[in-house]
Protein backbone atom coordinates (compact mmCIF):
# COMPACT_ATOMS: atom_id res chain seq x y z
CA MET A 1 -22.10 5.87 2.80
CA ALA A 2 -22.32 5.19 -0.92
CA ILE A 3 -19.37 5.39 -3.27
CA SER A 4 -19.22 8.96 -4.53
CA THR A 5 -15.97 10.13 -6.07
CA ALA A 6 -17.36 13.30 -7.65
CA GLY A 7 -15.55 12.59 -10.91
CA LYS A 8 -12.27 11.98 -9.10
CA SER A 9 -11.26 8.39 -9.73
CA ARG A 10 -7.63 8.56 -8.62
CA LEU A 11 -6.44 8.92 -5.06
CA THR A 12 -3.94 11.55 -6.21
CA ASP A 13 -6.87 13.64 -7.44
CA VAL A 14 -7.64 14.39 -3.79
CA LEU A 15 -4.24 13.56 -2.28
CA PRO A 16 -1.67 15.33 -4.47
CA LEU A 17 1.93 14.33 -3.88
CA GLN A 18 4.96 16.60 -3.75
CA GLU A 19 8.33 15.14 -4.72
CA ARG A 20 11.14 15.67 -2.23
CA GLY A 21 14.76 14.56 -1.92
CA GLY A 22 17.60 14.92 -4.38
CA THR A 23 20.15 13.18 -6.56
CA SER A 24 22.38 12.11 -3.66
CA ARG A 25 19.50 10.98 -1.42
CA CYS A 26 16.38 8.97 -1.96
CA LYS A 27 13.50 10.67 -3.72
CA TRP A 28 10.32 10.59 -1.70
CA PHE A 29 6.79 11.89 -1.86
CA ARG A 30 4.75 13.83 0.67
CA GLY A 31 0.97 14.13 0.55
CA LEU A 32 -1.57 15.94 2.69
CA LEU A 33 -5.34 15.70 2.87
CA SER A 34 -6.54 18.09 5.53
CA VAL A 35 -9.09 17.14 8.15
CA SER A 36 -11.14 20.12 6.97
CA ALA A 37 -11.41 18.74 3.42
CA THR A 38 -14.49 16.69 4.23
CA ALA A 39 -15.62 15.97 0.67
CA ASP A 40 -12.14 14.95 -0.48
CA LEU A 41 -11.71 12.71 2.56
CA GLU A 42 -14.99 10.97 1.75
CA THR A 43 -13.82 10.51 -1.83
CA ALA A 44 -10.51 9.08 -0.62
CA VAL A 45 -12.34 6.66 1.69
CA ALA A 46 -14.47 5.46 -1.23
CA ILE A 47 -11.43 4.97 -3.49
CA VAL A 48 -9.47 3.02 -0.87
CA ALA A 49 -12.47 0.86 0.11
CA ASP A 50 -13.15 0.04 -3.54
CA ALA A 51 -9.52 -0.89 -4.19
CA ALA A 52 -9.45 -3.07 -1.07
CA VAL A 53 -12.53 -5.09 -2.00
CA ARG A 54 -11.40 -5.44 -5.61
CA TRP A 55 -8.00 -6.77 -4.45
CA GLN A 56 -9.51 -9.14 -1.86
CA CYS A 57 -11.85 -10.51 -4.54
CA ARG A 58 -9.31 -10.51 -7.39
CA GLY A 59 -9.91 -14.21 -8.10
CA ALA A 60 -13.69 -13.91 -7.77
CA GLU A 61 -14.78 -10.86 -9.76
CA PRO A 62 -18.54 -11.47 -9.25
CA ARG A 63 -18.08 -10.99 -5.49
CA TYR A 64 -16.52 -7.56 -6.04
CA GLN A 65 -19.17 -6.56 -8.56
CA ALA A 66 -21.98 -7.58 -6.17
CA TRP A 67 -20.40 -5.49 -3.40
CA ARG A 68 -19.93 -2.46 -5.63
CA GLN A 69 -23.46 -2.63 -6.98
CA ALA A 70 -24.89 -2.74 -3.46
CA VAL A 71 -22.73 0.18 -2.28
CA THR A 72 -23.59 2.26 -5.34
CA LYS A 73 -27.31 1.69 -4.78
CA ARG A 74 -26.98 2.20 -1.01
CA GLN A 75 -28.57 -1.18 -0.42
CA SER A 76 -27.76 -4.09 1.84
CA MET A 77 -26.76 -7.24 -0.01
CA PRO A 78 -29.22 -10.14 0.03
CA PRO A 79 -28.28 -12.64 2.77
CA GLU A 80 -26.96 -15.21 0.31
CA GLU A 81 -24.76 -12.64 -1.47
CA SER A 82 -23.51 -11.33 1.86
CA ARG A 83 -22.61 -14.86 2.91
CA ARG A 84 -20.64 -15.36 -0.31
CA LEU A 85 -18.71 -12.12 0.22
CA THR A 86 -17.92 -12.63 3.90
CA PRO A 87 -14.99 -15.08 3.41
CA PHE A 88 -13.23 -12.44 1.31
CA ILE A 89 -13.76 -9.57 3.75
CA GLN A 90 -13.47 -11.15 7.20
CA PRO A 91 -9.79 -12.28 7.02
CA ALA A 92 -8.66 -8.73 6.33
CA PHE A 93 -11.19 -6.36 7.87
CA GLY A 94 -13.14 -8.51 10.29
CA LEU A 95 -16.92 -8.18 10.56
CA PRO A 96 -19.24 -5.85 12.48
CA SER A 97 -19.94 -8.67 14.92
CA LYS A 98 -16.23 -9.42 15.38
CA PRO A 99 -14.08 -6.42 14.43
CA ARG A 100 -10.33 -6.44 14.07
CA PRO A 101 -8.26 -4.32 16.49
CA PRO A 102 -8.03 -0.70 15.30
CA GLU A 103 -4.25 -0.86 14.89
CA HIS A 104 -4.63 -3.83 12.52
CA ILE A 105 -7.13 -1.94 10.39
CA GLN A 106 -4.90 1.14 10.33
CA GLY A 107 -1.92 -0.93 9.20
CA LEU A 108 -3.95 -2.62 6.47
CA VAL A 109 -5.41 0.65 5.20
CA ALA A 110 -1.87 2.10 5.09
CA GLU A 111 -0.91 -0.80 2.83
CA TYR A 112 -3.81 -0.11 0.50
CA ILE A 113 -2.93 3.59 0.32
CA TRP A 114 0.59 2.64 -0.73
CA TYR A 115 -0.76 0.04 -3.19
CA ILE A 116 -2.93 2.64 -4.93
CA LEU A 117 -0.36 5.43 -4.98
CA ALA A 118 2.40 3.12 -6.24
CA GLN A 119 0.31 2.48 -9.34
CA GLU A 120 -0.72 6.08 -9.85
CA ASN A 121 2.76 7.59 -9.50
CA LEU A 122 5.29 5.74 -11.61
CA PRO A 123 8.95 6.78 -11.61
CA ALA A 124 10.15 8.45 -14.79
CA ASP A 125 11.33 6.12 -17.56
CA LEU A 126 10.04 3.02 -15.74
CA GLN A 127 7.19 0.73 -16.76
CA LEU A 128 5.21 -1.06 -14.06
CA ARG A 129 5.41 -4.79 -14.65
CA ARG A 130 4.05 -6.19 -11.38
CA ILE A 131 2.90 -5.08 -7.96
CA GLU A 132 2.19 -7.40 -5.06
CA GLY A 133 -0.52 -5.93 -2.91
CA PRO A 134 -1.58 -6.53 0.70
CA GLY A 135 -1.93 -10.06 2.06
CA PHE A 136 -5.32 -11.78 2.01
CA SER A 137 -5.37 -11.81 5.80
CA VAL A 138 -4.40 -8.92 8.06
CA THR A 139 -2.10 -11.31 9.93
CA THR A 140 -0.34 -12.72 6.85
CA PRO A 141 3.41 -12.78 7.62
CA GLY A 142 6.08 -11.46 5.28
CA GLY A 143 6.90 -8.25 3.48
CA ASP A 144 4.28 -5.58 2.95
CA GLY A 145 4.67 -4.85 -0.76
CA LEU A 146 6.81 -5.42 -3.83
CA VAL A 147 6.96 -3.49 -7.09
CA VAL A 148 8.72 -4.65 -10.24
CA TYR A 149 9.59 -2.08 -12.90
CA GLN A 150 11.06 -2.41 -16.37
CA ARG A 151 13.67 0.06 -17.54
CA GLU A 152 13.87 1.34 -21.09
CA ASP A 153 16.63 -1.20 -21.81
CA ALA A 154 14.23 -4.01 -20.73
CA THR A 155 16.08 -4.62 -17.43
CA LEU A 156 13.73 -5.59 -14.60
CA ILE A 157 14.28 -4.07 -11.17
CA PHE A 158 12.39 -4.41 -7.91
CA ARG A 159 11.71 -2.51 -4.71
CA LEU A 160 10.62 -4.20 -1.52
CA TRP A 161 8.45 -1.91 0.61
CA GLU A 162 7.89 -1.75 4.35
CA ILE A 163 4.62 0.02 5.11
CA LYS A 164 3.67 1.57 8.44
CA GLN A 165 0.97 3.60 10.11
CA HIS A 166 1.91 6.27 12.63
CA ASP A 167 -0.47 7.44 15.35
CA SER A 168 1.52 8.97 18.17
CA GLU A 169 3.08 12.27 19.16
CA GLY A 170 6.57 10.81 18.74
CA PRO A 171 8.28 11.77 15.48
CA VAL A 172 7.51 9.87 12.30
CA SER A 173 11.28 9.38 11.98
CA ARG A 174 11.09 6.75 14.74
CA THR A 175 8.54 4.78 12.75
CA VAL A 176 10.68 5.13 9.63
CA GLY A 177 13.72 3.94 11.60
CA ARG A 178 11.86 0.81 12.67
CA ALA A 179 10.99 0.16 9.04
CA TYR A 180 14.65 0.49 8.06
CA SER A 181 15.60 -2.04 10.74
CA GLN A 182 12.95 -4.52 9.64
CA LEU A 183 14.14 -4.31 6.05
CA SER A 184 17.78 -4.69 7.07
CA GLU A 185 17.05 -7.73 9.22
CA ASN A 186 14.32 -9.51 7.25
CA ALA A 187 14.39 -8.51 3.58
CA GLU A 188 15.93 -11.75 2.34
CA PHE A 189 13.29 -13.76 4.20
CA TYR A 190 10.43 -11.65 2.80
CA LEU A 191 11.87 -11.99 -0.69
CA ALA A 192 12.38 -15.74 -0.33
CA GLN A 193 8.62 -16.06 0.27
CA LEU A 194 7.95 -14.13 -2.91
CA THR A 195 10.07 -16.47 -5.02
CA THR A 196 7.24 -18.99 -4.66
CA LEU A 197 5.25 -16.85 -7.11
CA ALA A 198 7.79 -17.22 -9.91
CA ASP A 199 5.88 -19.90 -11.82
CA ASN A 200 2.84 -17.61 -12.09
CA TYR A 201 4.53 -15.09 -14.35
CA ALA A 202 6.03 -14.60 -17.78
CA PRO A 203 9.58 -15.97 -18.24
CA ASP A 204 11.41 -12.68 -17.63
CA LEU A 205 9.41 -11.96 -14.48
CA ALA A 206 9.76 -15.56 -13.34
CA GLN A 207 13.53 -15.33 -13.65
CA LEU A 208 13.62 -12.16 -11.55
CA TYR A 209 11.30 -13.58 -8.89
CA ALA A 210 13.34 -16.76 -8.61
CA GLY A 211 16.40 -14.69 -7.74
CA LEU A 212 14.85 -12.01 -5.51
CA SER A 213 16.50 -13.08 -2.28
CA ASP A 214 19.88 -13.68 -3.92
CA LEU A 215 19.80 -10.30 -5.65
CA TRP A 216 19.15 -8.63 -2.32
CA LEU A 217 21.96 -10.47 -0.53
CA GLU A 218 24.36 -9.63 -3.36
CA ARG A 219 23.24 -5.98 -3.28
CA ASP A 220 22.65 -6.23 -7.00
CA PRO A 221 21.79 -2.89 -8.68
CA ARG A 222 18.40 -4.38 -9.55
CA ALA A 223 17.47 -4.59 -5.86
CA GLY A 224 15.84 -1.72 -4.00
CA VAL A 225 13.71 -0.80 -1.01
CA GLY A 226 11.08 1.70 0.00
CA VAL A 227 9.32 2.84 3.16
CA ALA A 228 5.79 4.24 3.25
CA VAL A 229 4.02 5.79 6.24
CA SER A 230 0.40 6.87 6.59
CA THR A 231 -0.35 9.20 9.47
CA SER A 232 -2.61 12.04 10.57
CA GLU A 233 -2.34 15.60 9.35
CA THR A 234 -1.10 16.63 12.81
CA TYR A 235 1.93 14.36 12.65
CA LEU A 236 2.89 14.82 8.98
CA PRO A 237 6.59 15.81 8.86
CA LYS A 238 8.09 18.35 6.49
CA THR A 239 11.31 16.35 6.12
CA CYS A 240 11.84 12.61 6.12
CA PHE A 241 14.07 9.80 4.83
CA GLY A 242 17.21 11.92 5.16
CA THR A 243 19.34 9.01 6.38
CA MET A 244 17.99 6.24 4.18
CA HIS A 245 21.03 6.32 1.90
CA LYS A 246 23.22 5.77 4.98
CA ARG A 247 21.16 2.82 6.19
CA PHE A 248 21.39 1.13 2.77
CA PRO A 249 24.75 2.37 1.44
CA ASP A 250 25.25 -0.61 -0.88
CA LEU A 251 22.08 0.04 -2.87
CA PRO A 252 21.83 2.53 -5.75
CA VAL A 253 20.31 5.79 -4.52
CA ASP A 254 17.74 5.63 -7.33
CA GLN A 255 16.60 2.31 -5.86
CA LEU A 256 15.63 3.94 -2.56
CA ALA A 257 12.18 5.47 -2.20
CA GLY A 258 9.89 6.93 0.43
CA LEU A 259 6.29 7.99 0.87
CA VAL A 260 4.62 9.75 3.79
CA VAL A 261 1.02 10.95 3.70
CA GLY A 262 -1.27 12.63 6.19
CA LEU A 263 -4.99 11.94 5.84
CA GLY A 264 -7.06 13.99 8.25
CA SER A 265 -7.24 11.97 11.46
CA PHE A 266 -5.78 8.72 10.19
CA PRO A 267 -7.45 6.42 12.78
CA ALA A 268 -10.81 7.92 11.77
CA PHE A 269 -9.93 7.57 8.08
CA ALA A 270 -9.03 3.90 8.47
CA ALA A 271 -12.21 3.20 10.43
CA ALA A 272 -14.25 4.91 7.71
CA VAL A 273 -12.69 2.66 5.04
CA ARG A 274 -13.57 -0.41 7.09
CA ASP A 275 -17.14 0.84 7.65
CA GLN A 276 -17.55 1.57 3.94
CA ILE A 277 -16.65 -2.03 3.19
CA TRP A 278 -19.02 -3.33 5.86
CA THR A 279 -21.93 -1.07 5.02
CA VAL A 280 -23.69 -3.51 2.65
CA LEU A 281 -23.14 -6.72 4.65
């Protein structure tokens, strides 16, 4: 399958989000891409696959460009180019000869969906200063995602995200509840890992990163959390995140966020993203 986005370059072009929640509860977004929307699903697969390879190759731009050129032309990469790309793809997505377990791929694709949508849908009056995307390896320990915003008064705030896939007939609320528990129990440890990045950034960002874990433990107003779930159309709930403000009562309600999206059959969607990445190897 070649990359073909039919003039739609943003994931929200084919996966529009509806804002839910209110002033006393966390605001969250719900998105649906029906299994019958074949063309839009193919576009979404292409967008997610492209973002994944670009992120995996973020320190080696020629590797990404070689992959994209081959996909666009519907050609296999020359053996030497394929060999150069493999170390960037295999840790996350495996290889056709040694695939990753399906649940690993689904979890990773869920992270990339969040990573894309977090950049395309910015909260009002906030500027995106930094987003930490998925780990280089599918088994990388730690938190799933971090976003740093700047308010109009130049204050930097952050939200630590727990990202899940859901593929069962049980309610999505159970998956969300597990995410709440993981954040409650492990957030300071995830954030402590991220402080190691402080020296990579501008002074104001570096200062925030250095204090991430402390700000969380102190329940500073600059600290926040979010939960994102990718699932199938069949399991997409109409309501969600109704108890988040009770699980994190010491955090400002505007620092709580949620995202739940249904993309056709999500296991099939995730497999299609992986196959798109593999197609030129």
